[in-house]
């Protein structure tokens, strides 16, 4: 039962990836270990939005600042 949610997320993420690729915009994925490596080498703390900024090989070498919070959509 605990893996039910993980299976749903895995299936959904690949559908989302394929859909985003169709836009023609640059899209990339990365492993959890690469994301952690990128975050740790840049001295960033663990948050979902900083992990999202550190996914993949295109993560900038310069340290992202955690002083700029993410844009949050509080609308419907």
N, C-alpha and C. Protein backbone atom coordinates (compact mmCIF):
# COMPACT_ATOMS: atom_id res chain seq x y z
N UNK A 1 0.80 -1.21 0.00
CA UNK A 1 0.00 0.00 0.00
C UNK A 1 0.84 1.28 0.00
N UNK A 2 1.96 1.38 0.76
CA UNK A 2 2.74 2.61 0.78
C UNK A 2 3.31 2.99 -0.59
N UNK A 3 3.51 2.04 -1.48
CA UNK A 3 4.11 2.34 -2.79
C UNK A 3 3.07 2.79 -3.82
N UNK A 4 1.81 2.77 -3.45
CA UNK A 4 0.75 3.18 -4.38
C UNK A 4 0.94 4.63 -4.83
N UNK A 5 1.21 5.52 -3.88
CA UNK A 5 1.41 6.93 -4.22
C UNK A 5 2.66 7.14 -5.07
N UNK A 6 3.73 6.41 -4.74
CA UNK A 6 4.97 6.53 -5.53
C UNK A 6 4.73 6.10 -6.97
N UNK A 7 3.96 5.06 -7.17
CA UNK A 7 3.64 4.61 -8.53
C UNK A 7 2.86 5.65 -9.31
N UNK A 8 1.93 6.31 -8.64
CA UNK A 8 1.14 7.35 -9.29
C UNK A 8 2.02 8.54 -9.68
N UNK A 9 2.93 8.92 -8.80
CA UNK A 9 3.84 10.04 -9.09
C UNK A 9 4.76 9.69 -10.24
N UNK A 10 5.32 8.49 -10.25
CA UNK A 10 6.22 8.09 -11.33
C UNK A 10 5.52 8.09 -12.68
N UNK A 11 4.31 7.59 -12.73
CA UNK A 11 3.57 7.59 -13.99
C UNK A 11 3.23 9.00 -14.45
N UNK A 12 2.85 9.84 -13.53
CA UNK A 12 2.48 11.22 -13.85
C UNK A 12 3.67 12.05 -14.30
N UNK A 13 4.82 11.84 -13.66
CA UNK A 13 5.97 12.69 -14.01
C UNK A 13 6.42 12.47 -15.44
N UNK A 14 6.36 11.24 -15.94
CA UNK A 14 6.78 11.01 -17.32
C UNK A 14 5.76 11.56 -18.30
N UNK A 15 4.49 11.52 -17.97
CA UNK A 15 3.48 12.18 -18.81
C UNK A 15 3.72 13.68 -18.85
N UNK A 16 4.01 14.27 -17.70
CA UNK A 16 4.29 15.70 -17.63
C UNK A 16 5.55 16.03 -18.43
N UNK A 17 6.58 15.22 -18.30
CA UNK A 17 7.83 15.44 -19.05
C UNK A 17 7.57 15.45 -20.56
N UNK A 18 6.84 14.46 -21.04
CA UNK A 18 6.55 14.39 -22.49
C UNK A 18 5.72 15.59 -22.94
N UNK A 19 4.77 15.99 -22.13
CA UNK A 19 3.93 17.14 -22.47
C UNK A 19 4.75 18.42 -22.52
N UNK A 20 5.62 18.62 -21.54
CA UNK A 20 6.47 19.82 -21.53
C UNK A 20 7.45 19.83 -22.69
N UNK A 21 7.99 18.68 -23.08
CA UNK A 21 8.91 18.61 -24.22
C UNK A 21 8.23 19.09 -25.51
N UNK A 22 6.94 18.84 -25.63
CA UNK A 22 6.20 19.25 -26.83
C UNK A 22 6.12 20.77 -26.97
N UNK A 23 6.36 21.51 -25.90
CA UNK A 23 6.30 22.98 -25.98
C UNK A 23 7.49 23.55 -26.73
N UNK A 24 8.57 22.77 -26.84
CA UNK A 24 9.77 23.27 -27.49
C UNK A 24 10.70 24.01 -26.55
N UNK A 25 10.27 24.22 -25.31
CA UNK A 25 11.12 24.87 -24.32
C UNK A 25 12.13 23.87 -23.78
N UNK A 26 13.26 24.34 -23.28
CA UNK A 26 14.25 23.41 -22.73
C UNK A 26 13.72 22.76 -21.45
N UNK A 27 13.71 21.45 -21.43
CA UNK A 27 13.23 20.67 -20.28
C UNK A 27 14.26 19.59 -20.01
N UNK A 28 14.59 19.39 -18.76
CA UNK A 28 15.52 18.31 -18.41
C UNK A 28 15.11 17.66 -17.10
N UNK A 29 15.58 16.48 -16.90
CA UNK A 29 15.33 15.76 -15.66
C UNK A 29 16.68 15.45 -15.02
N UNK A 30 16.62 15.00 -13.80
CA UNK A 30 17.84 14.59 -13.11
C UNK A 30 17.49 13.63 -12.00
N UNK A 31 18.47 12.96 -11.51
CA UNK A 31 18.25 12.01 -10.41
C UNK A 31 18.23 12.77 -9.08
N UNK A 32 17.70 12.11 -8.07
CA UNK A 32 17.71 12.69 -6.74
C UNK A 32 19.11 12.93 -6.22
N UNK A 33 20.02 12.02 -6.58
CA UNK A 33 21.40 12.19 -6.10
C UNK A 33 22.09 13.38 -6.78
N UNK A 34 21.80 13.63 -8.04
CA UNK A 34 22.37 14.79 -8.72
C UNK A 34 21.79 16.07 -8.14
N UNK A 35 20.49 16.07 -7.87
CA UNK A 35 19.86 17.24 -7.26
C UNK A 35 20.49 17.54 -5.91
N UNK A 36 20.68 16.52 -5.09
CA UNK A 36 21.29 16.71 -3.77
C UNK A 36 22.73 17.22 -3.92
N UNK A 37 23.48 16.63 -4.84
CA UNK A 37 24.86 17.07 -5.08
C UNK A 37 24.89 18.54 -5.46
N UNK A 38 24.04 18.93 -6.42
CA UNK A 38 23.99 20.33 -6.85
C UNK A 38 23.64 21.26 -5.70
N UNK A 39 22.67 20.87 -4.90
CA UNK A 39 22.24 21.70 -3.77
C UNK A 39 23.34 21.82 -2.72
N UNK A 40 23.97 20.69 -2.39
CA UNK A 40 25.00 20.68 -1.35
C UNK A 40 26.24 21.48 -1.78
N UNK A 41 26.67 21.33 -3.03
CA UNK A 41 27.88 22.03 -3.48
C UNK A 41 27.66 23.54 -3.58
N UNK A 42 26.41 23.96 -3.63
CA UNK A 42 26.10 25.38 -3.68
C UNK A 42 25.73 25.93 -2.30
N UNK A 43 25.79 25.07 -1.29
CA UNK A 43 25.54 25.51 0.08
C UNK A 43 24.10 25.89 0.36
N UNK A 44 23.16 25.26 -0.32
CA UNK A 44 21.75 25.59 -0.14
C UNK A 44 21.09 24.61 0.81
N UNK A 45 20.08 25.09 1.53
CA UNK A 45 19.37 24.21 2.45
C UNK A 45 18.28 23.43 1.71
N UNK A 46 17.76 22.41 2.36
CA UNK A 46 16.79 21.50 1.75
C UNK A 46 15.38 22.10 1.79
N UNK A 47 14.90 22.48 0.63
CA UNK A 47 13.50 22.88 0.45
C UNK A 47 13.07 22.36 -0.92
N UNK A 48 11.78 22.25 -1.11
CA UNK A 48 11.29 21.76 -2.41
C UNK A 48 11.65 22.72 -3.53
N UNK A 49 11.53 24.03 -3.28
CA UNK A 49 11.77 24.97 -4.37
C UNK A 49 13.25 25.07 -4.71
N UNK A 50 14.13 24.92 -3.72
CA UNK A 50 15.56 24.93 -4.04
C UNK A 50 15.97 23.63 -4.72
N UNK A 51 15.36 22.51 -4.33
CA UNK A 51 15.62 21.27 -5.05
C UNK A 51 15.20 21.41 -6.51
N UNK A 52 14.05 22.04 -6.74
CA UNK A 52 13.58 22.24 -8.12
C UNK A 52 14.57 23.09 -8.92
N UNK A 53 15.22 24.04 -8.26
CA UNK A 53 16.19 24.90 -8.94
C UNK A 53 17.51 24.19 -9.20
N UNK A 54 17.73 23.05 -8.53
CA UNK A 54 19.01 22.34 -8.63
C UNK A 54 18.91 21.02 -9.39
N UNK A 55 17.83 20.80 -10.10
CA UNK A 55 17.66 19.56 -10.85
C UNK A 55 18.47 19.61 -12.13
N UNK A 56 19.17 18.55 -12.43
CA UNK A 56 19.81 18.39 -13.72
C UNK A 56 21.18 19.01 -13.88
N UNK A 57 21.72 18.79 -15.06
CA UNK A 57 23.09 19.22 -15.38
C UNK A 57 23.19 20.71 -15.66
N UNK A 58 22.08 21.36 -15.96
CA UNK A 58 22.14 22.78 -16.32
C UNK A 58 22.10 23.70 -15.11
N UNK A 59 22.14 23.15 -13.90
CA UNK A 59 22.15 23.99 -12.70
C UNK A 59 23.38 24.89 -12.75
N UNK A 60 23.18 26.21 -12.61
CA UNK A 60 24.32 27.13 -12.68
C UNK A 60 25.37 26.83 -11.61
N UNK A 61 26.62 27.06 -11.94
CA UNK A 61 27.71 26.82 -11.00
C UNK A 61 27.68 27.83 -9.85
N UNK A 62 27.21 29.04 -10.15
CA UNK A 62 27.16 30.05 -9.11
C UNK A 62 26.03 29.73 -8.14
N UNK A 63 26.24 30.13 -6.93
CA UNK A 63 25.30 29.80 -5.86
C UNK A 63 23.99 30.55 -6.06
N UNK A 64 22.88 29.81 -6.11
CA UNK A 64 21.56 30.43 -6.14
C UNK A 64 21.31 31.02 -4.75
N UNK A 65 20.64 32.11 -4.69
CA UNK A 65 20.39 32.71 -3.38
C UNK A 65 19.07 32.23 -2.81
N UNK A 66 19.08 31.83 -1.56
CA UNK A 66 17.84 31.42 -0.91
C UNK A 66 17.12 32.63 -0.31
N UNK A 67 17.64 33.83 -0.58
CA UNK A 67 16.99 35.04 -0.08
C UNK A 67 15.80 35.45 -0.95
N UNK A 68 15.67 34.87 -2.11
CA UNK A 68 14.57 35.19 -3.01
C UNK A 68 13.58 34.04 -2.99
N UNK A 69 12.48 34.19 -2.25
CA UNK A 69 11.52 33.09 -2.15
C UNK A 69 10.81 32.85 -3.48
N UNK A 70 10.28 31.66 -3.67
CA UNK A 70 9.59 31.36 -4.92
C UNK A 70 8.28 32.13 -5.04
N UNK A 71 7.84 32.32 -6.26
CA UNK A 71 6.53 32.91 -6.51
C UNK A 71 5.48 31.87 -6.15
N UNK A 72 4.55 32.22 -5.31
CA UNK A 72 3.53 31.29 -4.86
C UNK A 72 2.18 31.75 -5.40
N UNK A 73 1.49 30.86 -6.08
CA UNK A 73 0.16 31.15 -6.60
C UNK A 73 -0.86 30.81 -5.53
N UNK A 74 -1.48 31.80 -4.96
CA UNK A 74 -2.47 31.56 -3.92
C UNK A 74 -3.89 31.65 -4.47
N UNK A 75 -3.99 31.79 -5.78
CA UNK A 75 -5.32 31.87 -6.40
C UNK A 75 -5.97 30.50 -6.52
N UNK A 76 -7.11 30.50 -7.15
CA UNK A 76 -7.89 29.27 -7.29
C UNK A 76 -7.24 28.28 -8.19
